[in-house]
C-alpha atoms as a PDB file:
ATOM      1  CA  UNK A   1     114.295  59.208  54.431  1.00  0.00           C
ATOM      2  CA  UNK A   2     112.851  56.060  55.951  1.00  0.00           C
ATOM      3  CA  UNK A   3     109.814  56.131  58.238  1.00  0.00           C
ATOM      4  CA  UNK A   4     111.750  55.247  61.366  1.00  0.00           C
ATOM      5  CA  UNK A   5     114.303  58.032  60.889  1.00  0.00           C
ATOM      6  CA  UNK A   6     111.590  60.544  59.947  1.00  0.00           C
ATOM      7  CA  UNK A   7     109.546  59.556  63.044  1.00  0.00           C
ATOM      8  CA  UNK A   8     112.592  59.964  65.303  1.00  0.00           C
ATOM      9  CA  UNK A   9     113.358  63.341  63.763  1.00  0.00           C
ATOM     10  CA  UNK A  10     109.752  64.484  64.232  1.00  0.00           C
ATOM     11  CA  UNK A  11     109.764  63.316  67.859  1.00  0.00           C
ATOM     12  CA  UNK A  12     113.060  65.133  68.524  1.00  0.00           C
ATOM     13  CA  UNK A  13     111.732  68.316  66.886  1.00  0.00           C
ATOM     14  CA  UNK A  14     108.583  68.126  69.014  1.00  0.00           C
ATOM     15  CA  UNK A  15     110.659  67.791  72.206  1.00  0.00           C
ATOM     16  CA  UNK A  16     112.833  70.734  71.181  1.00  0.00           C
ATOM     17  CA  UNK A  17     109.816  72.986  70.579  1.00  0.00           C
ATOM     18  CA  UNK A  18     107.749  71.805  73.551  1.00  0.00           C
ATOM     19  CA  UNK A  19     110.509  71.536  76.171  1.00  0.00           C
ATOM     20  CA  UNK A  20     110.219  74.028  79.028  1.00  0.00           C
ATOM     21  CA  UNK A  21     112.713  76.865  79.097  1.00  0.00           C
ATOM     22  CA  UNK A  22     114.648  76.950  82.346  1.00  0.00           C
ATOM     23  CA  UNK A  23     116.260  80.103  83.672  1.00  0.00           C
ATOM     24  CA  UNK A  24     119.985  80.560  83.412  1.00  0.00           C
ATOM     25  CA  UNK A  25     122.443  80.188  86.274  1.00  0.00           C
ATOM     26  CA  UNK A  26     120.563  77.299  87.894  1.00  0.00           C
ATOM     27  CA  UNK A  27     117.778  79.484  89.334  1.00  0.00           C
ATOM     28  CA  UNK A  28     114.584  77.699  90.288  1.00  0.00           C
ATOM     29  CA  UNK A  29     111.727  77.881  87.817  1.00  0.00           C
ATOM     30  CA  UNK A  30     108.456  79.351  89.092  1.00  0.00           C
ATOM     31  CA  UNK A  31     106.002  76.507  89.470  1.00  0.00           C
ATOM     32  CA  UNK A  32     102.815  75.875  91.413  1.00  0.00           C
ATOM     33  CA  UNK A  33     104.724  73.243  93.394  1.00  0.00           C
ATOM     34  CA  UNK A  34     107.196  75.884  94.660  1.00  0.00           C
ATOM     35  CA  UNK A  35     105.245  77.270  97.611  1.00  0.00           C
ATOM     36  CA  UNK A  36     106.164  80.819  98.610  1.00  0.00           C
ATOM     37  CA  UNK A  37     107.421  80.484 102.186  1.00  0.00           C
ATOM     38  CA  UNK A  38     108.725  83.620 103.854  1.00  0.00           C
ATOM     39  CA  UNK A  39     109.287  83.780 107.608  1.00  0.00           C
ATOM     40  CA  UNK A  40     109.391  87.593 107.627  1.00  0.00           C
ATOM     41  CA  UNK A  41     106.160  88.096 105.677  1.00  0.00           C
ATOM     42  CA  UNK A  42     104.472  85.400 107.749  1.00  0.00           C
ATOM     43  CA  UNK A  43     104.514  88.020 110.546  1.00  0.00           C
ATOM     44  CA  UNK A  44     102.180  90.166 108.416  1.00  0.00           C
ATOM     45  CA  UNK A  45      99.538  87.443 108.112  1.00  0.00           C
ATOM     46  CA  UNK A  46      96.289  88.287 109.920  1.00  0.00           C
ATOM     47  CA  UNK A  47      94.232  91.332 110.919  1.00  0.00           C
ATOM     48  CA  UNK A  48      95.729  94.745 111.678  1.00  0.00           C
ATOM     49  CA  UNK A  49      94.799  98.313 112.499  1.00  0.00           C
ATOM     50  CA  UNK A  50      96.746 100.578 110.156  1.00  0.00           C
ATOM     51  CA  UNK A  51      97.039 104.246 111.082  1.00  0.00           C
ATOM     52  CA  UNK A  52      99.236 107.066 109.928  1.00  0.00           C
ATOM     53  CA  UNK A  53      99.363 109.947 107.477  1.00  0.00           C
ATOM     54  CA  UNK A  54      98.917 110.351 103.736  1.00  0.00           C
ATOM     55  CA  UNK A  55     100.323 113.660 102.491  1.00  0.00           C
ATOM     56  CA  UNK A  56     100.295 114.880 106.125  1.00  0.00           C
ATOM     57  CA  UNK A  57      96.603 114.024 106.636  1.00  0.00           C
ATOM     58  CA  UNK A  58      95.715 111.459 109.332  1.00  0.00           C
ATOM     59  CA  UNK A  59      94.161 108.208 108.094  1.00  0.00           C
ATOM     60  CA  UNK A  60      93.039 104.894 109.535  1.00  0.00           C
ATOM     61  CA  UNK A  61      92.543 101.607 107.704  1.00  0.00           C
ATOM     62  CA  UNK A  62      91.414  98.089 108.356  1.00  0.00           C
ATOM     63  CA  UNK A  63      94.168  95.834 107.077  1.00  0.00           C
ATOM     64  CA  UNK A  64      94.137  92.091 106.510  1.00  0.00           C
ATOM     65  CA  UNK A  65      96.840  89.843 105.084  1.00  0.00           C
ATOM     66  CA  UNK A  66      96.375  86.209 104.079  1.00  0.00           C
ATOM     67  CA  UNK A  67      98.007  83.652 101.827  1.00  0.00           C
ATOM     68  CA  UNK A  68      96.181  82.921  98.584  1.00  0.00           C
ATOM     69  CA  UNK A  69      96.482  81.186  95.207  1.00  0.00           C
ATOM     70  CA  UNK A  70      98.147  78.019  96.492  1.00  0.00           C
ATOM     71  CA  UNK A  71     100.327  80.018  98.918  1.00  0.00           C
ATOM     72  CA  UNK A  72     101.963  81.817  95.965  1.00  0.00           C
ATOM     73  CA  UNK A  73     100.933  85.299  97.121  1.00  0.00           C
ATOM     74  CA  UNK A  74     100.383  87.142 100.360  1.00  0.00           C
ATOM     75  CA  UNK A  75      97.228  89.183  99.710  1.00  0.00           C
ATOM     76  CA  UNK A  76      96.991  92.506 101.541  1.00  0.00           C
ATOM     77  CA  UNK A  77      93.591  94.164 101.757  1.00  0.00           C
ATOM     78  CA  UNK A  78      93.482  97.691 103.086  1.00  0.00           C
ATOM     79  CA  UNK A  79      90.332  99.736 103.354  1.00  0.00           C
ATOM     80  CA  UNK A  80      89.912 103.042 105.121  1.00  0.00           C
ATOM     81  CA  UNK A  81      87.382 103.187 107.939  1.00  0.00           C
ATOM     82  CA  UNK A  82      85.168 105.833 106.289  1.00  0.00           C
ATOM     83  CA  UNK A  83      81.766 104.773 105.006  1.00  0.00           C
ATOM     84  CA  UNK A  84      81.938 104.640 102.051  1.00  0.00           C
ATOM     85  CA  UNK A  85      85.733 104.180 102.013  1.00  0.00           C
ATOM     86  CA  UNK A  86      87.718 106.851 100.196  1.00  0.00           C
ATOM     87  CA  UNK A  87      90.553 104.408  99.548  1.00  0.00           C
ATOM     88  CA  UNK A  88      90.752 100.654  99.140  1.00  0.00           C
ATOM     89  CA  UNK A  89      93.563  98.496  97.781  1.00  0.00           C
ATOM     90  CA  UNK A  90      94.476  94.885  97.209  1.00  0.00           C
ATOM     91  CA  UNK A  91      98.180  94.101  97.021  1.00  0.00           C
ATOM     92  CA  UNK A  92      99.500  90.701  96.008  1.00  0.00           C
ATOM     93  CA  UNK A  93     103.069  90.016  97.141  1.00  0.00           C
ATOM     94  CA  UNK A  94     104.770  87.047  95.520  1.00  0.00           C
ATOM     95  CA  UNK A  95     108.255  85.827  94.804  1.00  0.00           C
ATOM     96  CA  UNK A  96     110.013  85.448  91.470  1.00  0.00           C
ATOM     97  CA  UNK A  97     112.142  82.314  91.876  1.00  0.00           C
ATOM     98  CA  UNK A  98     113.875  82.764  88.498  1.00  0.00           C
ATOM     99  CA  UNK A  99     115.077  86.301  89.389  1.00  0.00           C
ATOM    100  CA  UNK A 100     115.333  86.075  93.162  1.00  0.00           C
ATOM    101  CA  UNK A 101     113.151  89.024  94.161  1.00  0.00           C
ATOM    102  CA  UNK A 102     109.754  89.892  95.530  1.00  0.00           C
ATOM    103  CA  UNK A 103     107.000  91.128  93.224  1.00  0.00           C
ATOM    104  CA  UNK A 104     104.027  93.298  94.149  1.00  0.00           C
ATOM    105  CA  UNK A 105     100.823  93.805  92.187  1.00  0.00           C
ATOM    106  CA  UNK A 106      99.143  96.932  93.625  1.00  0.00           C
ATOM    107  CA  UNK A 107      95.490  97.302  92.666  1.00  0.00           C
ATOM    108  CA  UNK A 108      93.354 100.069  94.082  1.00  0.00           C
ATOM    109  CA  UNK A 109      90.223 102.109  93.501  1.00  0.00           C
ATOM    110  CA  UNK A 110      92.139 104.582  91.324  1.00  0.00           C
ATOM    111  CA  UNK A 111      91.735 102.120  88.444  1.00  0.00           C
ATOM    112  CA  UNK A 112      93.821 100.408  85.822  1.00  0.00           C
ATOM    113  CA  UNK A 113      96.313 103.138  84.932  1.00  0.00           C
ATOM    114  CA  UNK A 114      97.675 103.356  88.475  1.00  0.00           C
ATOM    115  CA  UNK A 115      97.726  99.557  88.742  1.00  0.00           C
ATOM    116  CA  UNK A 116      99.659  98.744  85.586  1.00  0.00           C
ATOM    117  CA  UNK A 117     103.133  99.034  87.117  1.00  0.00           C
ATOM    118  CA  UNK A 118     104.615  95.970  88.801  1.00  0.00           C
ATOM    119  CA  UNK A 119     106.783  96.534  91.871  1.00  0.00           C
ATOM    120  CA  UNK A 120     109.969  94.611  92.564  1.00  0.00           C
ATOM    121  CA  UNK A 121     111.385  94.136  96.022  1.00  0.00           C
ATOM    122  CA  UNK A 122     114.374  92.992  98.000  1.00  0.00           C
ATOM    123  CA  UNK A 123     114.743  92.005 101.611  1.00  0.00           C
ATOM    124  CA  UNK A 124     117.356  93.296 104.026  1.00  0.00           C
ATOM    125  CA  UNK A 125     117.049  91.973 107.575  1.00  0.00           C
ATOM    126  CA  UNK A 126     113.514  92.754 108.771  1.00  0.00           C
ATOM    127  CA  UNK A 127     112.767  95.100 105.869  1.00  0.00           C
ATOM    128  CA  UNK A 128     111.314  94.529 102.405  1.00  0.00           C
ATOM    129  CA  UNK A 129     111.511  97.476 100.009  1.00  0.00           C
ATOM    130  CA  UNK A 130     109.512  97.545  96.790  1.00  0.00           C
ATOM    131  CA  UNK A 131     110.303  99.856  93.883  1.00  0.00           C
ATOM    132  CA  UNK A 132     107.595 100.927  91.446  1.00  0.00           C
ATOM    133  CA  UNK A 133     108.687 102.793  88.320  1.00  0.00           C
ATOM    134  CA  UNK A 134     105.490 104.660  87.487  1.00  0.00           C
ATOM    135  CA  UNK A 135     105.392 106.776  84.312  1.00  0.00           C
ATOM    136  CA  UNK A 136     105.132 109.930  86.458  1.00  0.00           C
ATOM    137  CA  UNK A 137     108.065 108.944  88.672  1.00  0.00           C
ATOM    138  CA  UNK A 138     109.579 106.315  90.935  1.00  0.00           C
ATOM    139  CA  UNK A 139     107.828 105.219  94.102  1.00  0.00           C
ATOM    140  CA  UNK A 140     109.119 103.033  96.899  1.00  0.00           C
ATOM    141  CA  UNK A 141     107.208 101.183  99.573  1.00  0.00           C
ATOM    142  CA  UNK A 142     109.179  99.920 102.577  1.00  0.00           C
ATOM    143  CA  UNK A 143     107.705  97.409 105.043  1.00  0.00           C
ATOM    144  CA  UNK A 144     109.704  97.029 108.276  1.00  0.00           C
ATOM    145  CA  UNK A 145     108.926  94.385 110.906  1.00  0.00           C
ATOM    146  CA  UNK A 146     109.649  95.477 114.484  1.00  0.00           C
ATOM    147  CA  UNK A 147     109.990  92.185 116.400  1.00  0.00           C
ATOM    148  CA  UNK A 148     110.229  93.812 119.847  1.00  0.00           C
ATOM    149  CA  UNK A 149     106.740  95.306 119.580  1.00  0.00           C
ATOM    150  CA  UNK A 150     105.421  92.821 116.980  1.00  0.00           C
ATOM    151  CA  UNK A 151     104.326  95.737 114.787  1.00  0.00           C
ATOM    152  CA  UNK A 152     105.018  96.843 111.222  1.00  0.00           C
ATOM    153  CA  UNK A 153     106.038 100.231 109.897  1.00  0.00           C
ATOM    154  CA  UNK A 154     105.178 101.074 106.288  1.00  0.00           C
ATOM    155  CA  UNK A 155     106.864 104.021 104.573  1.00  0.00           C
ATOM    156  CA  UNK A 156     105.836 105.178 101.092  1.00  0.00           C
ATOM    157  CA  UNK A 157     108.060 107.660  99.277  1.00  0.00           C
ATOM    158  CA  UNK A 158     108.017 109.252  95.862  1.00  0.00           C
ATOM    159  CA  UNK A 159     110.813 110.692  93.812  1.00  0.00           C
ATOM    160  CA  UNK A 160     110.489 114.105  92.207  1.00  0.00           C
ATOM    161  CA  UNK A 161     111.972 115.169  88.880  1.00  0.00           C
ATOM    162  CA  UNK A 162     115.201 116.275  90.566  1.00  0.00           C
ATOM    163  CA  UNK A 163     115.723 112.826  92.106  1.00  0.00           C
ATOM    164  CA  UNK A 164     114.808 113.883  95.649  1.00  0.00           C
ATOM    165  CA  UNK A 165     112.737 111.417  97.721  1.00  0.00           C
ATOM    166  CA  UNK A 166     109.857 112.745  99.828  1.00  0.00           C
ATOM    167  CA  UNK A 167     107.429 110.988 102.142  1.00  0.00           C
ATOM    168  CA  UNK A 168     104.055 110.323 100.564  1.00  0.00           C
ATOM    169  CA  UNK A 169     102.558 108.252 103.389  1.00  0.00           C
ATOM    170  CA  UNK A 170     103.639 106.598 106.616  1.00  0.00           C
ATOM    171  CA  UNK A 171     101.738 103.988 108.626  1.00  0.00           C
ATOM    172  CA  UNK A 172     102.030 101.818 111.697  1.00  0.00           C
ATOM    173  CA  UNK A 173     100.317  98.439 111.789  1.00  0.00           C
ATOM    174  CA  UNK A 174      99.236  97.037 115.140  1.00  0.00           C
ATOM    175  CA  UNK A 175      97.077  94.058 115.987  1.00  0.00           C
ATOM    176  CA  UNK A 176      93.559  95.203 116.911  1.00  0.00           C
ATOM    177  CA  UNK A 177      92.663  94.967 120.567  1.00  0.00           C
ATOM    178  CA  UNK A 178      90.399  92.018 121.217  1.00  0.00           C
ATOM    179  CA  UNK A 179      87.232  92.584 123.211  1.00  0.00           C
ATOM    180  CA  UNK A 180      87.126  90.870 126.579  1.00  0.00           C
END
């Protein structure tokens, strides 16, 4: 094989191995240039007072949402108002452009085991519902924007072994009152 032909073959082989793999069906490839823009989730950006119940016990959290990592994720930071806080979580909501769906990375002070499951979500109108398939059972987290009051409702449900869904926690998010 002459040098020219061998060089061309080597170059072609290198391109074949090094070429990026694009998703099927013409879906967009995730890329740092694809900024995650979401008009619904933009309403969650900022500071909130989050109050409600966890397993029928009243709770109150400070809640902040902001865009991070080149606008690829909406970071949610919730921390209960107790000192020291009994619960704190960081949630990173992004978008999978190759499989059109939301993703949620839920990290909290319960540690790595509880944080290993990735949630996947879909939007319907003013609602985004995330499903988490934890080893001990399915869990869903539903965020609903209420444009009339400019508030959010957050419903967390878990599924028991019989398939029945029960409420785990329920919260309302309102903008904190500003001091005059």
